[in-house]
C-alpha atoms as a PDB file:
ATOM      1  CA  MET A   1       3.315   1.075  13.701  1.00  0.00           C
ATOM      2  CA  GLU A   2       1.371   4.052  12.390  1.00  0.00           C
ATOM      3  CA  LEU A   3       0.959   2.369   9.006  1.00  0.00           C
ATOM      4  CA  GLU A   4      -0.267  -0.820  10.629  1.00  0.00           C
ATOM      5  CA  ARG A   5      -2.769   1.163  12.667  1.00  0.00           C
ATOM      6  CA  GLY A   6      -3.851   3.052   9.553  1.00  0.00           C
ATOM      7  CA  TYR A   7      -4.335  -0.219   7.689  1.00  0.00           C
ATOM      8  CA  ARG A   8      -6.430  -1.741  10.485  1.00  0.00           C
ATOM      9  CA  LEU A   9      -8.361   1.283  11.694  1.00  0.00           C
ATOM     10  CA  GLY A  10      -8.418   3.773   8.829  1.00  0.00           C
ATOM     11  CA  LYS A  11     -11.872   5.119   8.042  1.00  0.00           C
ATOM     12  CA  LYS A  12     -11.457   5.168   4.268  1.00  0.00           C
ATOM     13  CA  HIS A  13     -10.775   2.113   2.151  1.00  0.00           C
ATOM     14  CA  CYS A  14      -8.394   4.085  -0.067  1.00  0.00           C
ATOM     15  CA  PHE A  15      -6.292   5.104   2.942  1.00  0.00           C
ATOM     16  CA  ARG A  16      -6.179   1.528   4.253  1.00  0.00           C
ATOM     17  CA  MET A  17      -5.016   0.261   0.865  1.00  0.00           C
ATOM     18  CA  ARG A  18      -2.277   2.882   0.690  1.00  0.00           C
ATOM     19  CA  CYS A  19      -1.040   1.843   4.125  1.00  0.00           C
ATOM     20  CA  LEU A  20      -1.074  -1.812   3.089  1.00  0.00           C
ATOM     21  CA  ALA A  21       0.812  -1.077  -0.129  1.00  0.00           C
ATOM     22  CA  ILE A  22       3.546   0.745   1.784  1.00  0.00           C
ATOM     23  CA  LEU A  23       3.776  -2.053   4.351  1.00  0.00           C
ATOM     24  CA  LEU A  24       4.050  -4.740   1.676  1.00  0.00           C
ATOM     25  CA  LYS A  25       6.679  -2.766  -0.229  1.00  0.00           C
ATOM     26  CA  ALA A  26       8.663  -2.366   3.007  1.00  0.00           C
ATOM     27  CA  GLU A  27       8.650  -6.167   3.294  1.00  0.00           C
ATOM     28  CA  GLY A  28      10.516  -6.268  -0.014  1.00  0.00           C
ATOM     29  CA  LEU A  29       7.718  -7.042  -2.452  1.00  0.00           C
ATOM     30  CA  SER A  30       7.896  -5.501  -5.916  1.00  0.00           C
ATOM     31  CA  ALA A  31       5.220  -3.042  -7.029  1.00  0.00           C
ATOM     32  CA  ALA A  32       3.848  -5.792  -9.287  1.00  0.00           C
ATOM     33  CA  LYS A  33       3.532  -8.229  -6.359  1.00  0.00           C
ATOM     34  CA  VAL A  34       1.979  -5.548  -4.149  1.00  0.00           C
ATOM     35  CA  GLY A  35      -0.521  -4.901  -6.927  1.00  0.00           C
ATOM     36  CA  GLU A  36      -1.394  -8.588  -7.110  1.00  0.00           C
ATOM     37  CA  ARG A  37      -1.880  -8.845  -3.335  1.00  0.00           C
ATOM     38  CA  THR A  38      -4.012  -5.695  -3.131  1.00  0.00           C
ATOM     39  CA  GLU A  39      -5.810  -6.145  -6.461  1.00  0.00           C
ATOM     40  CA  MET A  40      -4.500  -2.777  -7.684  1.00  0.00           C
ATOM     41  CA  GLU A  41      -2.782  -1.889 -10.930  1.00  0.00           C
ATOM     42  CA  GLN A  42       1.010  -1.811 -10.713  1.00  0.00           C
ATOM     43  CA  HIS A  43       1.168   1.795 -11.946  1.00  0.00           C
ATOM     44  CA  THR A  44      -1.259   2.841  -9.174  1.00  0.00           C
ATOM     45  CA  VAL A  45       0.914   1.162  -6.553  1.00  0.00           C
ATOM     46  CA  SER A  46       4.038   2.815  -7.961  1.00  0.00           C
ATOM     47  CA  LYS A  47       2.333   6.212  -7.986  1.00  0.00           C
ATOM     48  CA  TRP A  48       1.163   5.880  -4.370  1.00  0.00           C
ATOM     49  CA  LEU A  49       4.571   4.712  -3.206  1.00  0.00           C
ATOM     50  CA  LYS A  50       6.263   7.606  -4.976  1.00  0.00           C
ATOM     51  CA  HIS A  51       4.002  10.084  -3.171  1.00  0.00           C
ATOM     52  CA  ALA A  52       4.601   8.361   0.178  1.00  0.00           C
ATOM     53  CA  ALA A  53       8.373   8.749  -0.090  1.00  0.00           C
END
């Protein structure tokens, strides 16, 4: 719920995108698919997810 709130109400775009990436990955999407959905590079998504763990 915190990630969903961060995605919807976060003040910084970067923070909102990180929340979205984590939420999409939790739904079972691959880093490549998350990258496609968020228009981010796959290596950026992987890096963010690694730091979130």
